[in-house]
Protein backbone atom coordinates (compact mmCIF):
# COMPACT_ATOMS: atom_id res chain seq x y z
CA MET A 1 -5.89 -22.36 -58.32
CA THR A 2 -3.34 -24.82 -57.03
CA SER A 3 0.18 -24.04 -57.62
CA ALA A 4 1.90 -26.16 -59.72
CA LEU A 5 4.28 -28.76 -58.12
CA ASN A 6 8.22 -28.33 -57.89
CA ARG A 7 10.30 -31.27 -59.83
CA THR A 8 13.52 -33.06 -59.02
CA LEU A 9 16.02 -32.98 -61.84
CA LEU A 10 15.20 -36.67 -61.62
CA TYR A 11 11.24 -36.18 -62.80
CA ASP A 12 12.02 -37.96 -66.46
CA ARG A 13 14.13 -41.17 -64.76
CA HIS A 14 11.44 -41.70 -62.19
CA LEU A 15 8.21 -41.81 -65.47
CA LEU A 16 10.85 -43.85 -67.39
CA ALA A 17 10.90 -46.18 -64.05
CA LEU A 18 7.13 -45.93 -64.41
CA GLY A 19 6.61 -44.02 -61.26
CA ARG A 20 3.04 -42.96 -59.79
CA MET A 21 3.71 -39.81 -59.25
CA GLY A 22 1.95 -37.67 -56.76
CA PRO A 23 2.68 -34.59 -54.20
CA VAL A 24 5.12 -34.33 -51.67
CA PHE A 25 6.53 -31.55 -49.50
CA ASP A 26 5.15 -29.49 -52.54
CA PHE A 27 6.93 -31.53 -55.00
CA GLU A 28 5.84 -33.87 -57.95
CA LEU A 29 7.63 -37.39 -56.58
CA PRO A 30 6.94 -41.17 -56.98
CA TYR A 31 4.38 -42.86 -55.10
CA GLU A 32 5.58 -46.00 -56.02
CA TYR A 33 7.04 -47.53 -59.27
CA ALA A 34 5.55 -49.85 -61.56
CA GLU A 35 3.41 -50.58 -58.70
CA ARG A 36 5.93 -52.70 -56.88
CA ARG A 37 5.62 -50.93 -53.27
CA GLU A 38 6.38 -54.26 -51.46
CA SER A 39 9.24 -55.08 -53.24
CA GLU A 40 10.95 -51.34 -52.77
CA TYR A 41 9.84 -51.82 -48.99
CA TRP A 42 11.51 -55.31 -48.90
CA ALA A 43 14.81 -53.96 -51.12
CA VAL A 44 15.59 -51.53 -47.95
CA ARG A 45 14.86 -54.30 -45.90
CA LYS A 46 16.90 -57.27 -47.22
CA ALA A 47 19.38 -55.46 -50.06
CA VAL A 48 19.24 -51.90 -51.32
CA ALA A 49 17.30 -49.35 -52.80
CA VAL A 50 17.91 -45.49 -53.79
CA ALA A 51 15.55 -42.64 -53.09
CA ASP A 52 15.40 -39.24 -54.56
CA GLY A 53 16.08 -36.92 -51.20
CA ASP A 54 15.98 -33.50 -53.72
CA PHE A 55 13.12 -32.39 -52.00
CA MET A 56 14.49 -31.63 -48.80
CA ARG A 57 15.80 -28.50 -48.39
CA ARG A 58 19.88 -27.50 -47.48
CA LEU A 59 20.11 -24.14 -45.33
CA ALA A 60 24.05 -22.69 -45.12
CA VAL A 61 24.49 -21.19 -41.42
CA ARG A 62 27.36 -19.62 -41.41
CA GLY A 63 29.81 -16.95 -39.31
CA TYR A 64 30.66 -15.96 -36.20
CA GLY A 65 27.30 -16.06 -34.56
CA ALA A 66 26.07 -19.75 -36.53
CA LEU A 67 26.94 -22.22 -33.11
CA GLU A 68 25.02 -19.81 -31.00
CA LEU A 69 21.68 -19.09 -33.33
CA LEU A 70 21.67 -22.94 -33.76
CA GLN A 71 21.90 -23.97 -30.04
CA ASN A 72 19.14 -21.22 -29.32
CA ILE A 73 16.96 -22.96 -32.26
CA VAL A 74 17.10 -26.43 -31.43
CA THR A 75 16.69 -28.45 -28.28
CA GLY A 76 19.51 -30.48 -28.35
CA ASP A 77 23.15 -29.64 -27.66
CA ILE A 78 25.53 -29.49 -30.74
CA GLY A 79 28.51 -27.70 -28.66
CA LYS A 80 30.62 -30.39 -29.19
CA LEU A 81 29.77 -31.33 -32.42
CA GLN A 82 33.11 -31.94 -34.67
CA SER A 83 33.34 -30.73 -37.86
CA GLY A 84 32.67 -33.60 -40.33
CA MET A 85 29.62 -34.83 -37.79
CA MET A 86 26.15 -34.62 -38.45
CA SER A 87 23.66 -34.43 -35.70
CA TYR A 88 19.77 -35.16 -35.51
CA GLN A 89 17.84 -32.30 -33.99
CA LEU A 90 14.38 -30.69 -33.02
CA VAL A 91 13.21 -27.42 -33.59
CA CYS A 92 10.71 -26.09 -31.07
CA ARG A 93 8.13 -22.63 -30.85
CA PRO A 94 8.23 -20.93 -27.80
CA ASP A 95 5.19 -22.56 -26.67
CA GLY A 96 7.17 -25.84 -26.72
CA GLU A 97 5.48 -27.35 -30.01
CA MET A 98 7.89 -29.01 -32.25
CA LEU A 99 7.93 -26.44 -35.32
CA ASP A 100 10.52 -29.05 -37.37
CA SER A 101 13.47 -31.86 -37.15
CA GLY A 102 16.19 -31.79 -39.35
CA THR A 103 20.05 -32.90 -39.22
CA ILE A 104 22.99 -30.34 -38.65
CA ILE A 105 25.98 -30.93 -40.63
CA ARG A 106 29.21 -29.03 -39.25
CA LEU A 107 31.21 -28.45 -42.17
CA GLY A 108 34.15 -26.19 -40.39
CA THR A 109 34.43 -23.70 -38.62
CA ASP A 110 31.54 -21.36 -38.27
CA SER A 111 30.17 -23.01 -41.39
CA TYR A 112 26.76 -25.50 -40.81
CA LEU A 113 24.27 -27.29 -42.89
CA LEU A 114 20.67 -27.33 -41.60
CA ILE A 115 18.81 -30.29 -43.73
CA THR A 116 15.08 -30.04 -43.37
CA ASP A 117 11.70 -30.68 -45.19
CA LYS A 118 10.02 -27.91 -44.31
CA PRO A 119 10.61 -24.42 -46.12
CA GLU A 120 9.34 -22.74 -43.17
CA ILE A 121 12.11 -23.29 -40.92
CA GLN A 122 14.21 -20.63 -43.11
CA ASP A 123 11.72 -17.50 -42.29
CA HIS A 124 12.26 -19.11 -38.51
CA LEU A 125 16.08 -18.77 -38.82
CA ARG A 126 15.60 -15.73 -40.20
CA ASP A 127 13.34 -14.49 -38.15
CA VAL A 128 15.67 -15.10 -34.94
CA SER A 129 19.28 -14.68 -36.09
CA VAL A 130 18.26 -10.78 -35.91
CA GLY A 131 21.42 -9.48 -33.56
CA TYR A 132 23.64 -12.54 -34.43
CA ASP A 133 26.71 -12.31 -36.68
CA VAL A 134 25.51 -14.94 -39.35
CA ASP A 135 24.63 -15.17 -42.44
CA ILE A 136 21.80 -17.47 -43.77
CA GLU A 137 21.45 -18.88 -47.42
CA ASP A 138 19.47 -21.53 -49.04
CA VAL A 139 21.91 -23.60 -50.91
CA SER A 140 19.26 -26.55 -52.14
CA ASP A 141 19.72 -25.94 -55.95
CA GLN A 142 23.37 -25.62 -55.42
CA SER A 143 23.63 -29.29 -54.87
CA PHE A 144 21.68 -32.73 -55.60
CA MET A 145 20.54 -35.09 -53.04
CA LEU A 146 20.72 -39.15 -52.91
CA THR A 147 19.96 -41.71 -50.24
CA ILE A 148 21.01 -45.29 -50.32
CA GLN A 149 19.08 -47.67 -47.62
CA GLY A 150 19.62 -50.83 -47.07
CA PRO A 151 22.20 -53.61 -45.73
CA ARG A 152 23.97 -53.79 -49.21
CA SER A 153 24.38 -49.79 -49.05
CA ALA A 154 27.77 -50.03 -48.07
CA ASP A 155 28.48 -51.77 -51.91
CA VAL A 156 26.44 -48.77 -53.66
CA ALA A 157 27.96 -46.01 -51.51
CA LEU A 158 31.36 -47.76 -52.86
CA ALA A 159 30.67 -47.64 -56.31
CA LEU A 160 29.05 -44.44 -56.14
CA ALA A 161 31.49 -42.53 -53.83
CA GLY A 162 34.92 -44.66 -54.03
CA PRO A 163 36.95 -45.66 -50.69
CA VAL A 164 36.15 -42.58 -48.19
CA SER A 165 32.67 -44.51 -48.03
CA SER A 166 33.94 -47.55 -46.39
CA ASN A 167 35.86 -45.61 -43.37
CA LEU A 168 32.63 -43.62 -42.79
CA LYS A 169 31.35 -43.90 -39.10
CA ALA A 170 27.32 -43.91 -38.11
CA ARG A 171 26.31 -39.56 -38.75
CA GLN A 172 30.21 -39.21 -40.26
CA VAL A 173 30.52 -36.75 -43.14
CA ALA A 174 33.14 -36.49 -45.70
CA ALA A 175 34.10 -35.17 -49.17
CA PHE A 176 34.78 -37.12 -52.10
CA ASP A 177 36.15 -36.92 -55.31
CA ARG A 178 34.67 -40.15 -57.62
CA MET A 179 36.35 -39.73 -61.36
CA GLY A 180 35.69 -36.29 -60.95
CA ARG A 181 32.54 -36.23 -60.17
CA ARG A 182 32.54 -34.35 -56.21
CA GLY A 183 30.43 -34.02 -53.18
CA LEU A 184 29.73 -35.15 -49.97
CA ILE A 185 28.41 -38.53 -48.31
CA SER A 186 26.91 -38.69 -44.87
CA ARG A 187 26.16 -42.31 -43.15
CA PHE A 188 22.85 -41.61 -42.17
CA GLY A 189 19.75 -43.92 -42.07
CA PHE A 190 15.75 -42.78 -41.94
CA THR A 191 14.46 -46.30 -42.54
CA GLY A 192 15.54 -48.09 -39.69
CA GLU A 193 18.06 -49.50 -42.45
CA GLY A 194 21.98 -48.53 -42.27
CA GLY A 195 22.02 -45.89 -45.14
CA PHE A 196 23.98 -43.33 -46.80
CA GLU A 197 22.97 -39.87 -48.10
CA LEU A 198 24.77 -38.41 -50.94
CA PHE A 199 25.45 -34.16 -51.79
CA VAL A 200 26.10 -34.41 -55.61
CA GLU A 201 26.40 -31.79 -58.17
CA PRO A 202 23.12 -31.09 -59.60
CA GLU A 203 24.05 -31.89 -63.75
CA GLU A 204 25.60 -35.31 -62.17
CA ALA A 205 22.61 -36.10 -60.70
CA PRO A 206 21.56 -38.85 -63.01
CA TRP A 207 24.73 -40.19 -63.46
CA PHE A 208 24.59 -41.17 -59.85
CA TRP A 209 20.96 -42.36 -60.43
CA ASP A 210 21.70 -44.61 -63.11
CA GLN A 211 24.73 -46.03 -61.44
CA SER A 212 22.51 -47.03 -58.41
CA LEU A 213 20.35 -48.71 -60.25
CA ASN A 214 23.29 -50.41 -62.17
CA CYS A 215 24.93 -51.41 -59.10
CA GLY A 216 21.70 -53.62 -58.18
CA ALA A 217 19.31 -50.62 -56.32
CA VAL A 218 15.84 -50.67 -56.32
CA PRO A 219 14.07 -47.51 -56.40
CA CYS A 220 12.12 -46.59 -53.68
CA GLY A 221 9.01 -44.21 -53.43
CA TYR A 222 6.96 -42.81 -51.17
CA LEU A 223 4.44 -45.13 -49.81
CA ALA A 224 7.25 -47.52 -49.34
CA ALA A 225 9.17 -44.80 -47.19
CA GLU A 226 6.42 -44.28 -45.10
CA ASP A 227 6.59 -47.90 -44.61
CA LEU A 228 9.32 -47.85 -43.31
CA ARG A 229 9.32 -45.18 -41.04
CA ILE A 230 6.22 -46.14 -39.80
CA GLY A 231 7.62 -49.73 -38.71
CA ALA A 232 10.84 -47.72 -37.79
CA GLY A 233 9.07 -45.64 -35.22
CA TYR A 234 9.78 -42.70 -36.54
CA VAL A 235 8.03 -39.69 -36.64
CA SER A 236 6.98 -36.94 -39.49
CA LEU A 237 6.12 -33.37 -38.69
CA ASP A 238 4.28 -33.56 -41.55
CA LYS A 239 1.59 -35.29 -40.11
CA GLU A 240 2.93 -35.84 -36.35
CA ASN A 241 2.80 -32.88 -34.04
CA GLY A 242 2.96 -31.49 -30.48
CA ASN A 243 5.87 -31.28 -28.24
CA PRO A 244 8.75 -34.01 -28.26
CA PHE A 245 7.74 -35.80 -25.13
CA GLU A 246 3.99 -36.48 -26.60
CA ASN A 247 6.03 -37.80 -29.48
CA ARG A 248 8.53 -40.34 -27.23
CA LEU A 249 11.10 -37.81 -28.56
CA GLY A 250 12.26 -36.24 -24.74
CA GLY A 251 15.56 -38.00 -25.46
CA LEU A 252 16.53 -34.87 -27.97
CA VAL A 253 15.86 -32.16 -25.29
CA ASP A 254 18.70 -31.10 -23.27
CA PHE A 255 17.74 -28.94 -20.24
CA ALA A 256 21.31 -29.29 -19.25
CA LYS A 257 22.15 -26.45 -22.05
CA ARG A 258 21.49 -23.18 -21.42
CA ASP A 259 18.77 -21.05 -23.05
CA PHE A 260 16.34 -22.44 -26.13
CA ILE A 261 13.61 -21.25 -27.66
CA GLY A 262 10.69 -23.66 -26.10
CA ARG A 263 12.71 -24.55 -23.14
CA GLU A 264 10.54 -22.86 -20.42
CA ALA A 265 7.43 -24.20 -21.58
CA LEU A 266 8.92 -27.57 -21.77
CA GLN A 267 9.45 -27.82 -18.69
CA GLY A 268 6.05 -26.51 -17.75
CA ILE A 269 4.81 -29.66 -19.92
CA LEU A 270 6.74 -31.94 -18.17
CA LYS A 271 5.75 -30.66 -14.80
CA LYS A 272 1.54 -30.27 -15.66
CA GLY A 273 2.00 -34.19 -17.15
CA LEU A 274 0.98 -34.93 -20.75
CA GLU A 275 -2.67 -34.65 -22.46
CA LYS A 276 -1.81 -37.27 -25.33
CA ALA A 277 0.63 -39.88 -26.04
CA LEU A 278 2.30 -40.92 -29.66
CA ILE A 279 1.03 -44.78 -29.67
CA TRP A 280 1.67 -47.36 -33.07
CA LEU A 281 -1.17 -49.45 -33.73
CA LEU A 282 -0.95 -53.07 -35.66
CA LEU A 283 -4.38 -53.57 -37.39
CA HIS A 284 -6.03 -57.25 -37.87
CA GLU A 285 -6.96 -56.89 -41.16
CA THR A 286 -5.08 -54.87 -44.53
CA ALA A 287 -7.44 -51.56 -44.40
CA ASP A 288 -8.11 -50.76 -48.43
CA LEU A 289 -8.08 -46.70 -47.45
CA PRO A 290 -5.53 -44.48 -45.70
CA LEU A 291 -6.59 -44.14 -42.34
CA GLU A 292 -4.81 -40.98 -41.19
CA LYS A 293 -7.19 -38.59 -39.18
CA ALA A 294 -9.19 -41.63 -38.30
CA ASP A 295 -10.79 -42.05 -35.17
CA ILE A 296 -8.91 -44.77 -32.65
CA GLU A 297 -11.73 -46.28 -29.80
CA ILE A 298 -11.73 -48.26 -26.83
CA SER A 299 -14.71 -50.17 -26.76
CA GLY A 300 -17.01 -47.85 -28.98
CA GLU A 301 -15.37 -44.54 -26.67
CA ARG A 302 -13.63 -42.00 -29.12
CA VAL A 303 -9.84 -41.65 -27.33
CA GLY A 304 -7.75 -40.27 -30.07
CA GLN A 305 -6.56 -40.02 -33.77
CA VAL A 306 -4.40 -41.49 -36.26
CA SER A 307 -1.83 -39.53 -37.51
CA SER A 308 0.53 -41.43 -39.86
CA PHE A 309 -1.02 -44.69 -41.68
CA GLY A 310 1.43 -47.95 -43.73
CA LEU A 311 1.57 -51.76 -44.25
CA PHE A 312 3.50 -53.92 -42.12
CA TRP A 313 4.55 -56.17 -44.55
CA GLN A 314 6.61 -58.70 -42.40
CA LYS A 315 3.13 -59.38 -41.28
CA GLY A 316 0.58 -58.63 -44.13
CA LEU A 317 -1.24 -55.92 -41.79
CA SER A 318 -1.90 -52.44 -41.88
CA LEU A 319 0.45 -50.46 -39.32
CA ALA A 320 -0.98 -46.99 -37.66
CA MET A 321 0.49 -44.28 -35.65
CA GLY A 322 -1.58 -42.01 -33.58
CA TYR A 323 -2.34 -40.40 -30.44
CA VAL A 324 -4.53 -41.29 -27.86
């Protein structure tokens, strides 16, 4: 028997918008709204869209040993991360394989917020936190996460969070109070376009969603978000795997900092050389079926496998990512 999927507080709003629901990271979320996948895609590219991001897990890491613990699990150096700033990081296993990726927000002295889409990261944090003066708490239910993406996202952010949003720089985070509705807002994008993320009080989530729509934002579902992600060249560890170098993420590995989990293995991988590498494929026609796990062939010989599949709406063609 399959377990029931989780639902966010916007589930009824998604149904009202004719969302075609399906499983996404253990949540029942809209794949598309009223079969308008292409419109959702172009809203992000040319205007503004809003998406339910509450499937992302938020973990508070607090205490005197918080920075030391996080430095030990991420491949980059966050030692100079200032309060009110965020950093995109990778988490590797001891063998160098990527376990997770996510953003780390420094909220203040000895206080950080780790945002990820994989529930396994909490167990990983607890396993490696033995001996550290640190407290780890899942605070996902203490806020609701919305994402605003697209060239006009700043206009919507201004209406939702007020003037504080206008002064935000890339990967900067600030608290806001908009007519008594409080939260955090960050300037961050996951689609190749500019955007914002809002963390609001759970009971206020429907208001922020409705206001986004009133300001002209188009609701964006999972399929269009995948098209955007693949087109921007961003990996999803739900579909891509392996080590950072195979995924063209070597720039996120900092061997200059002191030891971190996977460091020795990653150095060995570089010395040995890669066995596979992630590539992008623009197909000559639009495929009728998803191609994840399909073979990649050259002259009839299998050379790799597709990992992610989407649509490249600019050309009306299919776009895929895969390993060869």
